[in-house]
Amino acid sequence: MKRREGLKYQTKSNRKIVRYATKARMAKVNPKNLKIYDRYLKSRTIQNSDVKGTTYKVYHSYMNIFMCYIAEEWDNFYLLDEDFIEDEMLDVMESYMAFLAEECGNGKKVINTKLSAVSSFYIWATKRRLIKNHPFDGKLDRIKGAQDEKRISVHFLHKEETDLITETLAQDKTTLNKYDRQDELIWNIAFDSACRIGALQRLSVSDLDLSRNVFTDIREKRGKIVDIPFTDRTKQMIIEYLEWRKENGIETDAFFYNREGERMSKQALALRIRKIGEIVGIGDFRPHSIRKSRLNQIGQTGNIELAKELAHHESMDTTSRFYMEKKDASETLKEINNLMGI
């Protein structure tokens, strides 16, 4: 991604060595994943016996890391679950890249090789017709581009920043304004609901229930069906937006649409969200940062349970570990001193 002057980017270069695929973690891996990957290894090593002890030995160790990772962070999904991988695999791979960079301290070359280990498995599975399509084929260049100058960014916006975005996007939609009605609704619905980009992309006019302030029965992670709520303020924007669409002959059922009148892609949504981040001077703002910011702001009020419910997390631990901003040492000491009356 080309960097723009005057914008902030997150870049971390701390390196560390982590042994992740331990026996304890491997014991938790989905047995179906171990079985299908063993089948892959046998197939590949028969055809390429000369690299059995080199390339495929490395790939095996790297795939163990990936399987342990999804066991802990992505509900241990089956590697060939087409419904899941079709909708979520790019998010899985992006978060896996962040994990390799930040938690394992891996550099670009190692990350690329670990991605290749996963990709090699899916190429084999596609050729064997175990799945219809490679789940991130054609999108890998975009993933690699994210590594060139930065690790995957994780921004926690505070109230003054989210308020500034909301106010800026609410300005009159003239030809001089770089943000349009869809930008404003992308931000407000995503922030109100803390929904994932997959759910945001699937929103349809036919799913809209204005009487309850929700989009109903939206398929999210792992096929989970959820409602996507919004505030009364956003409801008024939606009413005005639908009237504007009617006046302009926009007839598609997709709530967010492109110039061809088709459903906006996740990539297009992500680009719009990146542009929204420029309002607060961020050059690498991501859809997941809206979710993290919203849940963190709720959690900081002491209502982590509400944050968990809005996020549709099954575990409070997931909310507190991954969606609450970590305090720095000086802030922690200040709170300790306050508690002790120092």
Protein backbone atom coordinates (compact mmCIF):
# COMPACT_ATOMS: atom_id res chain seq x y z
CA MET A 1 0.00 0.00 0.00
CA LYS A 2 1.37 3.39 -1.00
CA ARG A 3 1.75 5.70 1.99
CA ARG A 4 0.45 9.23 1.94
CA GLU A 5 2.15 12.19 3.54
CA GLY A 6 0.64 13.49 6.76
CA LEU A 7 -1.08 10.20 7.70
CA LYS A 8 -0.12 7.86 10.53
CA TYR A 9 0.69 4.19 9.95
CA GLN A 10 1.29 1.45 12.45
CA THR A 11 4.69 -0.18 12.02
CA LYS A 12 6.17 -2.52 14.57
CA SER A 13 9.50 -4.28 14.17
CA ASN A 14 9.86 -6.07 17.49
CA ARG A 15 11.07 -9.59 16.80
CA LYS A 16 10.86 -12.63 19.04
CA ILE A 17 11.01 -16.40 18.75
CA VAL A 18 7.88 -18.28 19.77
CA ARG A 19 7.31 -22.03 19.75
CA TYR A 20 3.61 -22.10 19.09
CA ALA A 21 2.61 -25.57 17.85
CA THR A 22 3.16 -27.31 21.19
CA LYS A 23 1.84 -30.77 22.07
CA ALA A 24 -0.84 -29.18 24.25
CA ARG A 25 -2.09 -27.00 21.40
CA MET A 26 -1.87 -29.79 18.84
CA ALA A 27 -4.08 -31.91 21.08
CA LYS A 28 -6.85 -29.32 20.63
CA VAL A 29 -6.73 -29.25 16.82
CA ASN A 30 -9.85 -30.41 14.99
CA PRO A 31 -9.26 -34.16 14.29
CA LYS A 32 -10.82 -33.75 10.83
CA ASN A 33 -8.12 -31.18 10.01
CA LEU A 34 -5.33 -33.52 11.08
CA LYS A 35 -6.85 -36.31 8.99
CA ILE A 36 -7.32 -34.30 5.80
CA TYR A 37 -3.89 -32.72 6.06
CA ASP A 38 -2.31 -36.14 6.54
CA ARG A 39 -4.08 -37.20 3.35
CA TYR A 40 -2.63 -34.16 1.59
CA LEU A 41 0.89 -34.96 2.80
CA LYS A 42 0.72 -38.56 1.63
CA SER A 43 -0.55 -37.46 -1.77
CA ARG A 44 2.10 -34.79 -2.24
CA THR A 45 5.06 -36.79 -0.95
CA ILE A 46 4.21 -39.72 -3.25
CA GLN A 47 4.35 -37.36 -6.21
CA ASN A 48 7.34 -35.38 -4.92
CA SER A 49 9.37 -37.84 -2.88
CA ASP A 50 12.60 -35.90 -3.50
CA VAL A 51 11.37 -33.02 -1.30
CA LYS A 52 9.67 -35.17 1.34
CA GLY A 53 12.25 -34.32 3.98
CA THR A 54 12.68 -30.67 3.01
CA THR A 55 9.81 -28.65 1.53
CA TYR A 56 6.96 -30.79 2.86
CA LYS A 57 8.61 -31.22 6.22
CA VAL A 58 8.71 -27.42 6.56
CA TYR A 59 5.17 -27.09 5.21
CA HIS A 60 3.96 -29.68 7.71
CA SER A 61 5.43 -27.76 10.64
CA TYR A 62 4.01 -24.49 9.32
CA MET A 63 0.57 -26.00 8.76
CA ASN A 64 0.62 -27.26 12.36
CA ILE A 65 1.04 -23.63 13.44
CA PHE A 66 -1.93 -22.61 11.28
CA MET A 67 -4.13 -25.42 12.59
CA CYS A 68 -3.25 -24.53 16.20
CA TYR A 69 -3.99 -20.89 15.44
CA ILE A 70 -7.46 -21.52 14.03
CA ALA A 71 -8.15 -23.94 16.90
CA GLU A 72 -7.57 -21.12 19.38
CA GLU A 73 -8.76 -18.08 17.47
CA TRP A 74 -11.27 -19.22 14.82
CA ASP A 75 -13.41 -21.84 16.56
CA ASN A 76 -11.42 -24.77 15.15
CA PHE A 77 -13.29 -24.67 11.83
CA TYR A 78 -12.89 -27.56 9.38
CA LEU A 79 -10.40 -26.64 6.67
CA LEU A 80 -12.80 -27.75 3.93
CA ASP A 81 -15.95 -26.13 5.34
CA GLU A 82 -16.94 -24.30 2.14
CA ASP A 83 -19.54 -22.02 3.73
CA PHE A 84 -16.98 -20.75 6.20
CA ILE A 85 -13.93 -20.45 3.97
CA GLU A 86 -15.85 -18.74 1.19
CA ASP A 87 -16.95 -15.92 3.48
CA GLU A 88 -14.24 -15.66 6.09
CA MET A 89 -10.95 -16.98 4.71
CA LEU A 90 -9.49 -13.64 3.70
CA ASP A 91 -10.15 -12.31 7.20
CA VAL A 92 -8.60 -15.49 8.63
CA MET A 93 -5.47 -15.06 6.52
CA GLU A 94 -5.12 -11.36 7.32
CA SER A 95 -5.47 -12.01 11.03
CA TYR A 96 -3.05 -14.94 10.72
CA MET A 97 -0.52 -12.59 9.11
CA ALA A 98 -0.93 -10.19 12.03
CA PHE A 99 -0.49 -13.06 14.47
CA LEU A 100 2.70 -14.27 12.74
CA ALA A 101 4.13 -10.77 12.68
CA GLU A 102 3.15 -9.53 16.13
CA GLU A 103 2.96 -12.67 18.27
CA CYS A 104 5.55 -14.86 16.54
CA GLY A 105 7.85 -12.06 15.41
CA ASN A 106 8.08 -13.42 11.85
CA GLY A 107 9.42 -11.29 9.03
CA LYS A 108 8.09 -10.96 5.49
CA LYS A 109 9.95 -13.93 4.02
CA VAL A 110 8.80 -16.36 6.72
CA ILE A 111 5.22 -15.07 6.62
CA ASN A 112 5.12 -15.56 2.84
CA THR A 113 6.36 -19.14 3.20
CA LYS A 114 3.76 -19.88 5.89
CA LEU A 115 1.02 -18.49 3.65
CA SER A 116 2.33 -20.69 0.83
CA ALA A 117 2.02 -23.74 3.08
CA VAL A 118 -1.69 -23.02 3.58
CA SER A 119 -2.19 -22.12 -0.09
CA SER A 120 -0.52 -25.34 -1.25
CA PHE A 121 -3.06 -27.37 0.73
CA TYR A 122 -5.99 -25.51 -0.84
CA ILE A 123 -4.54 -25.88 -4.36
CA TRP A 124 -4.42 -29.63 -3.77
CA ALA A 125 -7.95 -29.68 -2.32
CA THR A 126 -9.28 -27.77 -5.32
CA LYS A 127 -7.62 -30.11 -7.79
CA ARG A 128 -9.09 -33.09 -5.92
CA ARG A 129 -12.51 -31.37 -6.09
CA LEU A 130 -12.81 -31.47 -2.32
CA ILE A 131 -13.81 -27.79 -2.53
CA LYS A 132 -15.06 -25.73 -5.46
CA ASN A 133 -12.52 -22.92 -5.32
CA HIS A 134 -9.30 -21.90 -3.62
CA PRO A 135 -10.59 -19.57 -0.85
CA PHE A 136 -8.03 -16.80 -1.29
CA ASP A 137 -6.76 -17.35 -4.82
CA GLY A 138 -6.45 -14.03 -6.64
CA LYS A 139 -6.45 -12.13 -3.34
CA LEU A 140 -3.00 -13.21 -2.22
CA ASP A 141 -1.28 -10.27 -3.94
CA ARG A 142 -3.34 -7.96 -1.78
CA ILE A 143 -2.28 -9.88 1.30
CA LYS A 144 1.38 -9.74 0.28
CA GLY A 145 1.11 -6.01 -0.37
CA ALA A 146 0.08 -5.49 3.23
CA GLN A 147 3.45 -6.80 4.35
CA ASP A 148 5.62 -4.48 2.30
CA GLU A 149 5.85 -1.63 4.80
CA LYS A 150 3.64 -2.51 7.71
CA ARG A 151 2.13 -5.21 9.86
CA ILE A 152 -1.66 -5.55 9.88
CA SER A 153 -2.87 -2.45 11.69
CA VAL A 154 -5.09 -2.48 14.76
CA HIS A 155 -6.35 0.99 15.65
CA PHE A 156 -8.46 1.73 18.73
CA LEU A 157 -10.23 5.03 18.17
CA HIS A 158 -11.37 6.99 21.21
CA LYS A 159 -14.60 8.96 21.52
CA GLU A 160 -13.21 12.28 20.29
CA GLU A 161 -11.95 10.55 17.14
CA THR A 162 -15.15 8.62 16.42
CA ASP A 163 -17.17 11.79 17.06
CA LEU A 164 -14.99 13.68 14.56
CA ILE A 165 -15.58 10.99 11.91
CA THR A 166 -19.32 11.03 12.55
CA GLU A 167 -19.48 14.84 12.31
CA THR A 168 -17.32 14.99 9.17
CA LEU A 169 -19.37 12.36 7.35
CA ALA A 170 -22.59 14.21 8.28
CA GLN A 171 -21.58 17.27 6.28
CA ASP A 172 -23.65 18.21 3.22
CA LYS A 173 -23.08 15.83 0.31
CA THR A 174 -21.93 18.32 -2.32
CA THR A 175 -19.65 17.62 -5.25
CA LEU A 176 -16.82 19.08 -3.18
CA ASN A 177 -17.30 16.53 -0.41
CA LYS A 178 -15.05 13.46 -0.83
CA TYR A 179 -17.51 11.36 1.22
CA ASP A 180 -20.97 10.32 0.03
CA ARG A 181 -24.15 8.88 1.58
CA GLN A 182 -22.83 5.34 1.43
CA ASP A 183 -19.64 6.31 3.27
CA GLU A 184 -21.71 7.87 6.04
CA LEU A 185 -23.92 4.79 6.40
CA ILE A 186 -21.01 2.35 6.18
CA TRP A 187 -19.44 4.12 9.15
CA ASN A 188 -22.59 4.56 11.22
CA ILE A 189 -23.98 1.05 10.76
CA ALA A 190 -20.56 -0.55 11.31
CA PHE A 191 -19.95 1.53 14.43
CA ASP A 192 -23.48 1.18 15.86
CA SER A 193 -23.48 -2.60 15.49
CA ALA A 194 -19.75 -3.45 15.71
CA CYS A 195 -20.49 -5.94 12.94
CA ARG A 196 -17.90 -7.76 10.87
CA ILE A 197 -17.28 -6.65 7.29
CA GLY A 198 -18.83 -9.88 6.01
CA ALA A 199 -22.14 -8.98 7.63
CA LEU A 200 -21.90 -5.36 6.48
CA GLN A 201 -21.38 -6.50 2.91
CA ARG A 202 -24.42 -8.81 3.02
CA LEU A 203 -26.91 -6.15 4.14
CA SER A 204 -29.97 -5.91 1.88
CA VAL A 205 -32.93 -3.56 1.72
CA SER A 206 -35.22 -6.59 2.06
CA ASP A 207 -33.57 -7.43 5.41
CA LEU A 208 -34.36 -4.00 6.84
CA ASP A 209 -36.83 -3.74 9.71
CA LEU A 210 -37.15 -0.04 10.49
CA SER A 211 -39.70 -0.67 13.24
CA ARG A 212 -37.06 -2.54 15.25
CA ASN A 213 -33.95 -0.64 14.07
CA VAL A 214 -32.29 -3.79 12.69
CA PHE A 215 -31.27 -5.66 9.58
CA THR A 216 -32.62 -9.14 10.31
CA ASP A 217 -31.17 -12.62 9.81
CA ILE A 218 -27.75 -11.65 8.46
CA ARG A 219 -25.32 -14.54 8.06
CA GLU A 220 -22.07 -13.87 9.87
CA LYS A 221 -19.03 -15.88 10.96
CA ARG A 222 -19.39 -19.66 10.60
CA GLY A 223 -22.91 -19.32 9.27
CA LYS A 224 -24.21 -17.72 12.46
CA ILE A 225 -27.41 -15.75 11.86
CA VAL A 226 -27.54 -12.38 13.63
CA ASP A 227 -29.43 -9.10 13.61
CA ILE A 228 -27.46 -5.94 12.81
CA PRO A 229 -28.83 -3.09 14.98
CA PHE A 230 -28.57 0.66 14.49
CA THR A 231 -29.49 3.79 16.43
CA ASP A 232 -32.43 6.13 15.85
CA ARG A 233 -30.01 8.65 14.37
CA THR A 234 -28.81 6.10 11.82
CA LYS A 235 -32.42 5.08 11.18
CA GLN A 236 -33.18 8.61 9.99
CA MET A 237 -30.15 8.47 7.67
CA ILE A 238 -31.40 5.18 6.25
CA ILE A 239 -34.86 6.62 5.58
CA GLU A 240 -33.32 9.58 3.75
CA TYR A 241 -30.94 7.26 1.88
CA LEU A 242 -33.76 5.02 0.67
CA GLU A 243 -35.72 8.05 -0.51
CA TRP A 244 -32.62 9.31 -2.35
CA ARG A 245 -32.19 5.88 -3.99
CA LYS A 246 -35.82 5.93 -5.12
CA GLU A 247 -35.45 9.41 -6.61
CA ASN A 248 -32.31 8.29 -8.46
CA GLY A 249 -33.74 5.01 -9.74
CA ILE A 250 -31.49 2.72 -7.65
CA GLU A 251 -33.40 -0.56 -7.61
CA THR A 252 -30.89 -3.16 -6.38
CA ASP A 253 -31.70 -5.04 -3.16
CA ALA A 254 -28.08 -4.67 -2.03
CA PHE A 255 -27.91 -1.98 0.64
CA PHE A 256 -24.39 -0.96 -0.40
CA TYR A 257 -23.87 -1.05 -4.16
CA ASN A 258 -21.22 -0.17 -6.74
CA ARG A 259 -21.39 1.89 -9.92
CA GLU A 260 -22.81 -1.08 -11.82
CA GLY A 261 -25.65 -1.33 -9.33
CA GLU A 262 -24.31 -4.62 -7.95
CA ARG A 263 -23.54 -5.51 -4.35
CA MET A 264 -20.41 -3.76 -3.14
CA SER A 265 -17.51 -6.15 -2.53
CA LYS A 266 -15.67 -6.49 0.76
CA GLN A 267 -12.59 -5.03 -0.89
CA ALA A 268 -14.52 -1.94 -2.03
CA LEU A 269 -15.97 -1.51 1.46
CA ALA A 270 -12.48 -1.81 2.94
CA LEU A 271 -11.16 0.89 0.61
CA ARG A 272 -13.96 3.25 1.63
CA ILE A 273 -13.24 2.54 5.30
CA ARG A 274 -9.55 3.21 4.75
CA LYS A 275 -10.51 6.59 3.25
CA ILE A 276 -12.73 7.28 6.27
CA GLY A 277 -9.69 6.74 8.52
CA GLU A 278 -7.98 9.68 6.85
CA ILE A 279 -10.41 11.97 8.70
CA VAL A 280 -8.45 11.26 11.89
CA GLY A 281 -5.09 11.10 10.14
CA ILE A 282 -4.79 7.31 9.82
CA GLY A 283 -3.52 5.83 6.57
CA ASP A 284 -4.08 2.14 7.28
CA PHE A 285 -7.50 2.09 8.92
CA ARG A 286 -9.26 -1.27 8.56
CA PRO A 287 -12.87 -2.51 8.90
CA HIS A 288 -11.98 -4.54 11.97
CA SER A 289 -10.70 -1.39 13.68
CA ILE A 290 -14.25 0.00 13.71
CA ARG A 291 -15.42 -3.16 15.48
CA LYS A 292 -12.53 -3.03 17.94
CA SER A 293 -13.04 0.69 18.63
CA ARG A 294 -16.76 0.30 19.30
CA LEU A 295 -16.39 -2.71 21.60
CA ASN A 296 -13.47 -1.13 23.43
CA GLN A 297 -15.42 2.07 24.07
CA ILE A 298 -18.30 0.03 25.51
CA GLY A 299 -15.90 -2.07 27.58
CA GLN A 300 -14.15 0.99 28.98
CA THR A 301 -17.45 2.07 30.56
CA GLY A 302 -17.33 -1.15 32.58
CA ASN A 303 -19.91 -2.94 30.42
CA ILE A 304 -17.77 -5.72 28.95
CA GLU A 305 -20.80 -8.02 29.09
CA LEU A 306 -22.67 -5.63 26.77
CA ALA A 307 -19.64 -5.51 24.47
CA LYS A 308 -19.62 -9.32 24.38
CA GLU A 309 -23.32 -9.44 23.50
CA LEU A 310 -22.99 -6.84 20.73
CA ALA A 311 -20.00 -8.71 19.31
CA HIS A 312 -21.86 -12.07 19.38
CA HIS A 313 -18.90 -13.60 21.19
CA GLU A 314 -19.50 -16.87 22.98
CA SER A 315 -16.71 -16.18 25.46
CA MET A 316 -16.08 -13.09 27.57
CA ASP A 317 -12.39 -13.99 27.33
CA THR A 318 -12.43 -13.33 23.57
CA THR A 319 -13.89 -9.86 24.14
CA SER A 320 -11.48 -8.90 26.90
CA ARG A 321 -8.34 -10.35 25.28
CA PHE A 322 -8.74 -9.13 21.72
CA TYR A 323 -11.16 -6.19 21.81
CA MET A 324 -10.03 -4.18 24.82
CA GLU A 325 -7.17 -1.74 24.40
CA LYS A 326 -4.19 -2.60 26.57
CA LYS A 327 -3.18 0.08 29.05
CA ASP A 328 0.38 1.32 29.16
CA ALA A 329 2.50 0.86 32.29
CA SER A 330 2.22 4.48 33.47
CA GLU A 331 -1.58 4.42 33.26
CA THR A 332 -1.70 1.14 35.17
CA LEU A 333 0.52 2.55 37.92
CA LYS A 334 -1.61 5.70 38.13
CA GLU A 335 -4.76 3.57 38.70
CA ILE A 336 -2.95 1.51 41.35
CA ASN A 337 -1.89 4.67 43.15
CA ASN A 338 -5.46 6.01 43.05
CA LEU A 339 -6.79 2.78 44.55
CA MET A 340 -4.16 2.90 47.30
CA GLY A 341 -4.74 6.60 47.97
CA ILE A 342 -1.19 7.54 47.08
